[in-house]
Amino acid sequence: MVAMAGFLVAFLIVLGNSGSKDSAGSQTTPSRTTTSTTGSTNTSTSKFAHRHTYTIKSGDTLGAIAIKTGVSVATLEELNPGLDPQGLVAGQRLKLR
């Protein structure tokens, strides 16, 4: 009977400690997700900062290219006269500067 009581007390102590570890683990997860998202955005923009041209890929839009390169849509249109935003062709090159 004493052994059974000792087992029950030990079981309750282990059970009580396991709950506190779960709550601490869930608190750290959101901060890591936020940090990595911010970092990838900055890397994407600076990737094209030194380039003079951009080669259009299938599915690209002028707005998406502006976001990727950090060059506004208006500037892209000024630098590339005769550019048809609705008729972008994969492989076509756009001036960025």
PDB file of N, CA and C in Angstrom:
ATOM      1  N   MET A   1       0.813  -1.182   0.000  1.00  0.00           N
ATOM      2  CA  MET A   1       0.000   0.000   0.000  1.00  0.00           C
ATOM      3  C   MET A   1       0.869   1.263   0.000  1.00  0.00           C
ATOM      4  N   VAL A   2       1.965   1.290   0.756  1.00  0.00           N
ATOM      5  CA  VAL A   2       2.866   2.437   0.820  1.00  0.00           C
ATOM      6  C   VAL A   2       3.545   2.646  -0.539  1.00  0.00           C
ATOM      7  N   ALA A   3       3.886   1.556  -1.200  1.00  0.00           N
ATOM      8  CA  ALA A   3       4.522   1.639  -2.520  1.00  0.00           C
ATOM      9  C   ALA A   3       3.571   2.266  -3.530  1.00  0.00           C
ATOM     10  N   MET A   4       2.303   1.912  -3.436  1.00  0.00           N
ATOM     11  CA  MET A   4       1.299   2.459  -4.352  1.00  0.00           C
ATOM     12  C   MET A   4       1.128   3.957  -4.121  1.00  0.00           C
ATOM     13  N   ALA A   5       1.137   4.413  -2.897  1.00  0.00           N
ATOM     14  CA  ALA A   5       1.012   5.831  -2.583  1.00  0.00           C
ATOM     15  C   ALA A   5       2.233   6.598  -3.091  1.00  0.00           C
ATOM     16  N   GLY A   6       3.429   6.012  -2.928  1.00  0.00           N
ATOM     17  CA  GLY A   6       4.652   6.639  -3.430  1.00  0.00           C
ATOM     18  C   GLY A   6       4.628   6.774  -4.951  1.00  0.00           C
ATOM     19  N   PHE A   7       4.147   5.734  -5.629  1.00  0.00           N
ATOM     20  CA  PHE A   7       4.035   5.776  -7.090  1.00  0.00           C
ATOM     21  C   PHE A   7       3.070   6.868  -7.523  1.00  0.00           C
ATOM     22  N   LEU A   8       1.958   7.004  -6.855  1.00  0.00           N
ATOM     23  CA  LEU A   8       0.959   8.017  -7.198  1.00  0.00           C
ATOM     24  C   LEU A   8       1.518   9.429  -7.021  1.00  0.00           C
ATOM     25  N   VAL A   9       2.251   9.664  -5.939  1.00  0.00           N
ATOM     26  CA  VAL A   9       2.848  10.982  -5.708  1.00  0.00           C
ATOM     27  C   VAL A   9       3.875  11.295  -6.792  1.00  0.00           C
ATOM     28  N   ALA A  10       4.741  10.324  -7.116  1.00  0.00           N
ATOM     29  CA  ALA A  10       5.755  10.530  -8.160  1.00  0.00           C
ATOM     30  C   ALA A  10       5.095  10.801  -9.513  1.00  0.00           C
ATOM     31  N   PHE A  11       4.026  10.073  -9.806  1.00  0.00           N
ATOM     32  CA  PHE A  11       3.304  10.244 -11.066  1.00  0.00           C
ATOM     33  C   PHE A  11       2.716  11.652 -11.171  1.00  0.00           C
ATOM     34  N   LEU A  12       2.133  12.146 -10.093  1.00  0.00           N
ATOM     35  CA  LEU A  12       1.545  13.484 -10.104  1.00  0.00           C
ATOM     36  C   LEU A  12       2.610  14.577 -10.245  1.00  0.00           C
ATOM     37  N   ILE A  13       3.778  14.369  -9.657  1.00  0.00           N
ATOM     38  CA  ILE A  13       4.872  15.343  -9.798  1.00  0.00           C
ATOM     39  C   ILE A  13       5.345  15.403 -11.243  1.00  0.00           C
ATOM     40  N   VAL A  14       5.536  14.253 -11.871  1.00  0.00           N
ATOM     41  CA  VAL A  14       5.976  14.214 -13.277  1.00  0.00           C
ATOM     42  C   VAL A  14       4.914  14.832 -14.174  1.00  0.00           C
ATOM     43  N   LEU A  15       3.675  14.510 -13.946  1.00  0.00           N
ATOM     44  CA  LEU A  15       2.576  15.049 -14.744  1.00  0.00           C
ATOM     45  C   LEU A  15       2.498  16.570 -14.611  1.00  0.00           C
ATOM     46  N   GLY A  16       2.666  17.083 -13.406  1.00  0.00           N
ATOM     47  CA  GLY A  16       2.622  18.530 -13.175  1.00  0.00           C
ATOM     48  C   GLY A  16       3.774  19.259 -13.843  1.00  0.00           C
ATOM     49  N   ASN A  17       4.967  18.695 -13.866  1.00  0.00           N
ATOM     50  CA  ASN A  17       6.125  19.324 -14.495  1.00  0.00           C
ATOM     51  C   ASN A  17       6.066  19.286 -16.011  1.00  0.00           C
ATOM     52  N   SER A  18       5.446  18.280 -16.577  1.00  0.00           N
ATOM     53  CA  SER A  18       5.393  18.179 -18.038  1.00  0.00           C
ATOM     54  C   SER A  18       4.526  19.277 -18.645  1.00  0.00           C
ATOM     55  N   GLY A  19       3.520  19.759 -17.972  1.00  0.00           N
ATOM     56  CA  GLY A  19       2.652  20.824 -18.484  1.00  0.00           C
ATOM     57  C   GLY A  19       3.354  22.156 -18.589  1.00  0.00           C
ATOM     58  N   SER A  20       4.280  22.478 -17.680  1.00  0.00           N
ATOM     59  CA  SER A  20       4.958  23.765 -17.709  1.00  0.00           C
ATOM     60  C   SER A  20       5.954  23.853 -18.858  1.00  0.00           C
ATOM     61  N   LYS A  21       6.521  22.748 -19.311  1.00  0.00           N
ATOM     62  CA  LYS A  21       7.467  22.755 -20.430  1.00  0.00           C
ATOM     63  C   LYS A  21       6.755  23.073 -21.740  1.00  0.00           C
ATOM     64  N   ASP A  22       5.536  22.561 -21.925  1.00  0.00           N
ATOM     65  CA  ASP A  22       4.796  22.812 -23.155  1.00  0.00           C
ATOM     66  C   ASP A  22       4.465  24.280 -23.337  1.00  0.00           C
ATOM     67  N   SER A  23       4.060  24.966 -22.262  1.00  0.00           N
ATOM     68  CA  SER A  23       3.682  26.369 -22.397  1.00  0.00           C
ATOM     69  C   SER A  23       4.894  27.233 -22.711  1.00  0.00           C
ATOM     70  N   ALA A  24       6.077  26.900 -22.209  1.00  0.00           N
ATOM     71  CA  ALA A  24       7.278  27.685 -22.509  1.00  0.00           C
ATOM     72  C   ALA A  24       7.691  27.482 -23.948  1.00  0.00           C
ATOM     73  N   GLY A  25       7.550  26.268 -24.463  1.00  0.00           N
ATOM     74  CA  GLY A  25       7.937  25.989 -25.847  1.00  0.00           C
ATOM     75  C   GLY A  25       7.064  26.714 -26.843  1.00  0.00           C
ATOM     76  N   SER A  26       5.772  26.849 -26.550  1.00  0.00           N
ATOM     77  CA  SER A  26       4.876  27.501 -27.508  1.00  0.00           C
ATOM     78  C   SER A  26       5.083  29.009 -27.548  1.00  0.00           C
ATOM     79  N   GLN A  27       5.668  29.598 -26.519  1.00  0.00           N
ATOM     80  CA  GLN A  27       5.876  31.036 -26.495  1.00  0.00           C
ATOM     81  C   GLN A  27       7.027  31.467 -27.392  1.00  0.00           C
ATOM     82  N   THR A  28       8.018  30.615 -27.646  1.00  0.00           N
ATOM     83  CA  THR A  28       9.176  31.008 -28.447  1.00  0.00           C
ATOM     84  C   THR A  28       8.940  30.844 -29.944  1.00  0.00           C
ATOM     85  N   THR A  29       8.005  30.035 -30.371  1.00  0.00           N
ATOM     86  CA  THR A  29       7.791  29.752 -31.785  1.00  0.00           C
ATOM     87  C   THR A  29       7.393  30.991 -32.594  1.00  0.00           C
ATOM     88  N   PRO A  30       6.418  31.826 -32.178  1.00  0.00           N
ATOM     89  CA  PRO A  30       6.030  32.964 -33.010  1.00  0.00           C
ATOM     90  C   PRO A  30       7.156  33.955 -33.273  1.00  0.00           C
ATOM     91  N   SER A  31       8.041  34.202 -32.325  1.00  0.00           N
ATOM     92  CA  SER A  31       9.090  35.194 -32.538  1.00  0.00           C
ATOM     93  C   SER A  31      10.068  34.739 -33.623  1.00  0.00           C
ATOM     94  N   ARG A  32      10.346  33.434 -33.711  1.00  0.00           N
ATOM     95  CA  ARG A  32      11.246  32.949 -34.758  1.00  0.00           C
ATOM     96  C   ARG A  32      10.601  33.095 -36.132  1.00  0.00           C
ATOM     97  N   THR A  33       9.322  32.835 -36.241  1.00  0.00           N
ATOM     98  CA  THR A  33       8.635  32.942 -37.523  1.00  0.00           C
ATOM     99  C   THR A  33       8.648  34.379 -38.034  1.00  0.00           C
ATOM    100  N   THR A  34       8.386  35.337 -37.178  1.00  0.00           N
ATOM    101  CA  THR A  34       8.361  36.739 -37.565  1.00  0.00           C
ATOM    102  C   THR A  34       9.723  37.209 -38.048  1.00  0.00           C
ATOM    103  N   THR A  35      10.779  36.814 -37.362  1.00  0.00           N
ATOM    104  CA  THR A  35      12.127  37.248 -37.713  1.00  0.00           C
ATOM    105  C   THR A  35      12.537  36.735 -39.089  1.00  0.00           C
ATOM    106  N   SER A  36      12.269  35.459 -39.385  1.00  0.00           N
ATOM    107  CA  SER A  36      12.694  34.903 -40.663  1.00  0.00           C
ATOM    108  C   SER A  36      11.923  35.519 -41.823  1.00  0.00           C
ATOM    109  N   THR A  37      10.658  35.859 -41.630  1.00  0.00           N
ATOM    110  CA  THR A  37       9.875  36.481 -42.694  1.00  0.00           C
ATOM    111  C   THR A  37      10.441  37.851 -43.044  1.00  0.00           C
ATOM    112  N   THR A  38      10.785  38.638 -42.046  1.00  0.00           N
ATOM    113  CA  THR A  38      11.340  39.959 -42.278  1.00  0.00           C
ATOM    114  C   THR A  38      12.666  39.875 -43.018  1.00  0.00           C
ATOM    115  N   GLY A  39      13.509  38.932 -42.641  1.00  0.00           N
ATOM    116  CA  GLY A  39      14.819  38.779 -43.265  1.00  0.00           C
ATOM    117  C   GLY A  39      14.720  38.415 -44.729  1.00  0.00           C
ATOM    118  N   SER A  40      13.783  37.557 -45.113  1.00  0.00           N
ATOM    119  CA  SER A  40      13.690  37.136 -46.504  1.00  0.00           C
ATOM    120  C   SER A  40      13.215  38.278 -47.398  1.00  0.00           C
ATOM    121  N   THR A  41      12.388  39.162 -46.892  1.00  0.00           N
ATOM    122  CA  THR A  41      11.919  40.297 -47.684  1.00  0.00           C
ATOM    123  C   THR A  41      13.075  41.233 -48.038  1.00  0.00           C
ATOM    124  N   ASN A  42      13.923  41.547 -47.073  1.00  0.00           N
ATOM    125  CA  ASN A  42      15.051  42.429 -47.319  1.00  0.00           C
ATOM    126  C   ASN A  42      16.040  41.825 -48.294  1.00  0.00           C
ATOM    127  N   THR A  43      16.293  40.533 -48.226  1.00  0.00           N
ATOM    128  CA  THR A  43      17.226  39.867 -49.121  1.00  0.00           C
ATOM    129  C   THR A  43      16.713  39.919 -50.556  1.00  0.00           C
ATOM    130  N   SER A  44      15.421  39.707 -50.740  1.00  0.00           N
ATOM    131  CA  SER A  44      14.826  39.703 -52.066  1.00  0.00           C
ATOM    132  C   SER A  44      14.977  41.056 -52.747  1.00  0.00           C
ATOM    133  N   THR A  45      14.756  42.156 -52.033  1.00  0.00           N
ATOM    134  CA  THR A  45      14.845  43.486 -52.603  1.00  0.00           C
ATOM    135  C   THR A  45      16.282  43.854 -52.949  1.00  0.00           C
ATOM    136  N   SER A  46      17.234  43.570 -52.092  1.00  0.00           N
ATOM    137  CA  SER A  46      18.615  43.971 -52.320  1.00  0.00           C
ATOM    138  C   SER A  46      19.299  43.114 -53.378  1.00  0.00           C
ATOM    139  N   LYS A  47      18.734  41.990 -53.736  1.00  0.00           N
ATOM    140  CA  LYS A  47      19.312  41.091 -54.730  1.00  0.00           C
ATOM    141  C   LYS A  47      19.486  41.776 -56.087  1.00  0.00           C
ATOM    142  N   PHE A  48      18.595  42.691 -56.449  1.00  0.00           N
ATOM    143  CA  PHE A  48      18.624  43.345 -57.751  1.00  0.00           C
ATOM    144  C   PHE A  48      19.172  44.773 -57.696  1.00  0.00           C
ATOM    145  N   ALA A  49      19.607  45.227 -56.537  1.00  0.00           N
ATOM    146  CA  ALA A  49      20.026  46.617 -56.362  1.00  0.00           C
ATOM    147  C   ALA A  49      21.188  47.002 -57.274  1.00  0.00           C
ATOM    148  N   HIS A  50      22.092  46.090 -57.563  1.00  0.00           N
ATOM    149  CA  HIS A  50      23.272  46.413 -58.360  1.00  0.00           C
ATOM    150  C   HIS A  50      23.084  46.125 -59.854  1.00  0.00           C
ATOM    151  N   ARG A  51      21.980  45.542 -60.237  1.00  0.00           N
ATOM    152  CA  ARG A  51      21.774  45.144 -61.639  1.00  0.00           C
ATOM    153  C   ARG A  51      21.233  46.295 -62.480  1.00  0.00           C
ATOM    154  N   HIS A  52      21.566  46.249 -63.759  1.00  0.00           N
ATOM    155  CA  HIS A  52      21.090  47.257 -64.711  1.00  0.00           C
ATOM    156  C   HIS A  52      19.899  46.752 -65.521  1.00  0.00           C
ATOM    157  N   THR A  53      19.737  45.421 -65.598  1.00  0.00           N
ATOM    158  CA  THR A  53      18.621  44.845 -66.351  1.00  0.00           C
ATOM    159  C   THR A  53      17.971  43.725 -65.551  1.00  0.00           C
ATOM    160  N   TYR A  54      16.747  43.385 -65.948  1.00  0.00           N
ATOM    161  CA  TYR A  54      16.016  42.268 -65.364  1.00  0.00           C
ATOM    162  C   TYR A  54      15.456  41.445 -66.506  1.00  0.00           C
ATOM    163  N   THR A  55      15.658  40.140 -66.467  1.00  0.00           N
ATOM    164  CA  THR A  55      15.118  39.248 -67.485  1.00  0.00           C
ATOM    165  C   THR A  55      13.773  38.715 -66.995  1.00  0.00           C
ATOM    166  N   ILE A  56      12.740  38.956 -67.787  1.00  0.00           N
ATOM    167  CA  ILE A  56      11.383  38.562 -67.422  1.00  0.00           C
ATOM    168  C   ILE A  56      11.265  37.044 -67.418  1.00  0.00           C
ATOM    169  N   LYS A  57      10.582  36.539 -66.388  1.00  0.00           N
ATOM    170  CA  LYS A  57      10.316  35.110 -66.257  1.00  0.00           C
ATOM    171  C   LYS A  57       8.833  34.858 -66.505  1.00  0.00           C
ATOM    172  N   SER A  58       8.499  33.643 -66.848  1.00  0.00           N
ATOM    173  CA  SER A  58       7.110  33.282 -67.089  1.00  0.00           C
ATOM    174  C   SER A  58       6.263  33.596 -65.865  1.00  0.00           C
ATOM    175  N   GLY A  59       5.154  34.285 -66.057  1.00  0.00           N
ATOM    176  CA  GLY A  59       4.249  34.637 -64.963  1.00  0.00           C
ATOM    177  C   GLY A  59       4.541  35.981 -64.310  1.00  0.00           C
ATOM    178  N   ASP A  60       5.644  36.629 -64.685  1.00  0.00           N
ATOM    179  CA  ASP A  60       5.972  37.937 -64.116  1.00  0.00           C
ATOM    180  C   ASP A  60       4.956  38.987 -64.549  1.00  0.00           C
ATOM    181  N   THR A  61       4.689  39.923 -63.660  1.00  0.00           N
ATOM    182  CA  THR A  61       3.898  41.104 -63.991  1.00  0.00           C
ATOM    183  C   THR A  61       4.771  42.319 -63.713  1.00  0.00           C
ATOM    184  N   LEU A  62       4.410  43.440 -64.266  1.00  0.00           N
ATOM    185  CA  LEU A  62       5.199  44.651 -64.057  1.00  0.00           C
ATOM    186  C   LEU A  62       5.219  45.037 -62.579  1.00  0.00           C
ATOM    187  N   GLY A  63       4.108  44.872 -61.887  1.00  0.00           N
ATOM    188  CA  GLY A  63       4.045  45.167 -60.462  1.00  0.00           C
ATOM    189  C   GLY A  63       4.949  44.249 -59.647  1.00  0.00           C
ATOM    190  N   ALA A  64       4.963  42.970 -59.985  1.00  0.00           N
ATOM    191  CA  ALA A  64       5.814  42.014 -59.269  1.00  0.00           C
ATOM    192  C   ALA A  64       7.288  42.312 -59.525  1.00  0.00           C
ATOM    193  N   ILE A  65       7.616  42.692 -60.747  1.00  0.00           N
ATOM    194  CA  ILE A  65       9.002  43.043 -61.081  1.00  0.00           C
ATOM    195  C   ILE A  65       9.422  44.279 -60.296  1.00  0.00           C
ATOM    196  N   ALA A  66       8.521  45.254 -60.183  1.00  0.00           N
ATOM    197  CA  ALA A  66       8.806  46.474 -59.415  1.00  0.00           C
ATOM    198  C   ALA A  66       9.102  46.137 -57.960  1.00  0.00           C
ATOM    199  N   ILE A  67       8.343  45.226 -57.386  1.00  0.00           N
ATOM    200  CA  ILE A  67       8.561  44.831 -55.991  1.00  0.00           C
ATOM    201  C   ILE A  67       9.890  44.084 -55.856  1.00  0.00           C
ATOM    202  N   LYS A  68      10.176  43.155 -56.757  1.00  0.00           N
ATOM    203  CA  LYS A  68      11.416  42.367 -56.695  1.00  0.00           C
ATOM    204  C   LYS A  68      12.654  43.240 -56.816  1.00  0.00           C
ATOM    205  N   THR A  69      12.597  44.204 -57.724  1.00  0.00           N
ATOM    206  CA  THR A  69      13.786  44.991 -58.034  1.00  0.00           C
ATOM    207  C   THR A  69      13.903  46.276 -57.235  1.00  0.00           C
ATOM    208  N   GLY A  70      12.803  46.739 -56.654  1.00  0.00           N
ATOM    209  CA  GLY A  70      12.821  47.998 -55.916  1.00  0.00           C
ATOM    210  C   GLY A  70      12.718  49.206 -56.825  1.00  0.00           C
ATOM    211  N   VAL A  71      12.367  48.992 -58.085  1.00  0.00           N
ATOM    212  CA  VAL A  71      12.197  50.076 -59.067  1.00  0.00           C
ATOM    213  C   VAL A  71      10.700  50.235 -59.304  1.00  0.00           C
ATOM    214  N   SER A  72      10.189  51.451 -59.214  1.00  0.00           N
ATOM    215  CA  SER A  72       8.749  51.670 -59.355  1.00  0.00           C
ATOM    216  C   SER A  72       8.265  51.316 -60.757  1.00  0.00           C
ATOM    217  N   VAL A  73       6.963  51.039 -60.868  1.00  0.00           N
ATOM    218  CA  VAL A  73       6.351  50.729 -62.162  1.00  0.00           C
ATOM    219  C   VAL A  73       6.523  51.912 -63.113  1.00  0.00           C
ATOM    220  N   ALA A  74       6.324  53.127 -62.613  1.00  0.00           N
ATOM    221  CA  ALA A  74       6.459  54.323 -63.447  1.00  0.00           C
ATOM    222  C   ALA A  74       7.880  54.439 -64.009  1.00  0.00           C
ATOM    223  N   THR A  75       8.885  54.170 -63.177  1.00  0.00           N
ATOM    224  CA  THR A  75      10.276  54.241 -63.630  1.00  0.00           C
ATOM    225  C   THR A  75      10.559  53.160 -64.662  1.00  0.00           C
ATOM    226  N   LEU A  76      10.042  51.951 -64.439  1.00  0.00           N
ATOM    227  CA  LEU A  76      10.226  50.874 -65.424  1.00  0.00           C
ATOM    228  C   LEU A  76       9.628  51.265 -66.771  1.00  0.00           C
ATOM    229  N   GLU A  77       8.455  51.894 -66.744  1.00  0.00           N
ATOM    230  CA  GLU A  77       7.817  52.326 -67.998  1.00  0.00           C
ATOM    231  C   GLU A  77       8.608  53.440 -68.669  1.00  0.00           C
ATOM    232  N   GLU A  78       9.177  54.353 -67.896  1.00  0.00           N
ATOM    233  CA  GLU A  78       9.989  55.437 -68.463  1.00  0.00           C
ATOM    234  C   GLU A  78      11.279  54.902 -69.092  1.00  0.00           C
ATOM    235  N   LEU A  79      11.916  53.965 -68.420  1.00  0.00           N
ATOM    236  CA  LEU A  79      13.191  53.421 -68.906  1.00  0.00           C
ATOM    237  C   LEU A  79      13.020  52.463 -70.080  1.00  0.00           C
ATOM    238  N   ASN A  80      11.816  51.945 -70.263  1.00  0.00           N
ATOM    239  CA  ASN A  80      11.547  50.966 -71.314  1.00  0.00           C
ATOM    240  C   ASN A  80      10.383  51.441 -72.179  1.00  0.00           C
ATOM    241  N   PRO A  81      10.620  52.470 -73.024  1.00  0.00           N
ATOM    242  CA  PRO A  81       9.530  53.010 -73.850  1.00  0.00           C
ATOM    243  C   PRO A  81       8.969  51.928 -74.783  1.00  0.00           C
ATOM    244  N   GLY A  82       7.674  51.965 -74.976  1.00  0.00           N
ATOM    245  CA  GLY A  82       7.022  50.989 -75.845  1.00  0.00           C
ATOM    246  C   GLY A  82       6.719  49.676 -75.137  1.00  0.00           C
ATOM    247  N   LEU A  83       6.993  49.602 -73.852  1.00  0.00           N
ATOM    248  CA  LEU A  83       6.734  48.396 -73.077  1.00  0.00           C
ATOM    249  C   LEU A  83       5.231  48.220 -72.891  1.00  0.00           C
ATOM    250  N   ASP A  84       4.732  47.042 -73.226  1.00  0.00           N
ATOM    251  CA  ASP A  84       3.322  46.728 -73.029  1.00  0.00           C
ATOM    252  C   ASP A  84       3.190  45.889 -71.759  1.00  0.00           C
ATOM    253  N   PRO A  85       2.692  46.467 -70.654  1.00  0.00           N
ATOM    254  CA  PRO A  85       2.593  45.726 -69.394  1.00  0.00           C
ATOM    255  C   PRO A  85       1.749  44.450 -69.506  1.00  0.00           C
ATOM    256  N   GLN A  86       0.825  44.414 -70.448  1.00  0.00           N
ATOM    257  CA  GLN A  86      -0.022  43.233 -70.634  1.00  0.00           C
ATOM    258  C   GLN A  86       0.629  42.201 -71.545  1.00  0.00           C
ATOM    259  N   GLY A  87       1.707  42.587 -72.231  1.00  0.00           N
ATOM    260  CA  GLY A  87       2.338  41.689 -73.197  1.00  0.00           C
ATOM    261  C   GLY A  87       3.779  41.350 -72.849  1.00  0.00           C
ATOM    262  N   LEU A  88       4.078  41.154 -71.573  1.00  0.00           N
ATOM    263  CA  LEU A  88       5.430  40.799 -71.167  1.00  0.00           C
ATOM    264  C   LEU A  88       5.748  39.381 -71.648  1.00  0.00           C
ATOM    265  N   VAL A  89       6.960  39.187 -72.166  1.00  0.00           N
ATOM    266  CA  VAL A  89       7.366  37.909 -72.729  1.00  0.00           C
ATOM    267  C   VAL A  89       8.562  37.380 -71.947  1.00  0.00           C
ATOM    268  N   ALA A  90       8.507  36.104 -71.569  1.00  0.00           N
ATOM    269  CA  ALA A  90       9.619  35.486 -70.849  1.00  0.00           C
ATOM    270  C   ALA A  90      10.884  35.590 -71.702  1.00  0.00           C
ATOM    271  N   GLY A  91      11.980  36.017 -71.079  1.00  0.00           N
ATOM    272  CA  GLY A  91      13.248  36.195 -71.781  1.00  0.00           C
ATOM    273  C   GLY A  91      13.510  37.637 -72.181  1.00  0.00           C
ATOM    274  N   GLN A  92      12.470  38.446 -72.214  1.00  0.00           N
ATOM    275  CA  GLN A  92      12.598  39.862 -72.545  1.00  0.00           C
ATOM    276  C   GLN A  92      13.358  40.559 -71.421  1.00  0.00           C
ATOM    277  N   ARG A  93      14.229  41.519 -71.762  1.00  0.00           N
ATOM    278  CA  ARG A  93      15.007  42.238 -70.760  1.00  0.00           C
ATOM    279  C   ARG A  93      14.448  43.633 -70.554  1.00  0.00           C
ATOM    280  N   LEU A  94      14.413  44.033 -69.297  1.00  0.00           N
ATOM    281  CA  LEU A  94      13.986  45.381 -68.932  1.00  0.00           C
ATOM    282  C   LEU A  94      15.145  46.139 -68.337  1.00  0.00           C
ATOM    283  N   LYS A  95      15.266  47.435 -68.685  1.00  0.00           N
ATOM    284  CA  LYS A  95      16.262  48.293 -68.066  1.00  0.00           C
ATOM    285  C   LYS A  95      15.776  48.670 -66.665  1.00  0.00           C
ATOM    286  N   LEU A  96      16.691  48.652 -65.705  1.00  0.00           N
ATOM    287  CA  LEU A  96      16.353  49.030 -64.339  1.00  0.00           C
ATOM    288  C   LEU A  96      16.927  50.390 -63.973  1.00  0.00           C
ATOM    289  N   ARG A  97      17.920  50.870 -64.746  1.00  0.00           N
ATOM    290  CA  ARG A  97      18.558  52.160 -64.463  1.00  0.00           C
ATOM    291  C   ARG A  97      18.596  52.994 -65.722  1.00  0.00           C
TER     292      ARG A  97
END
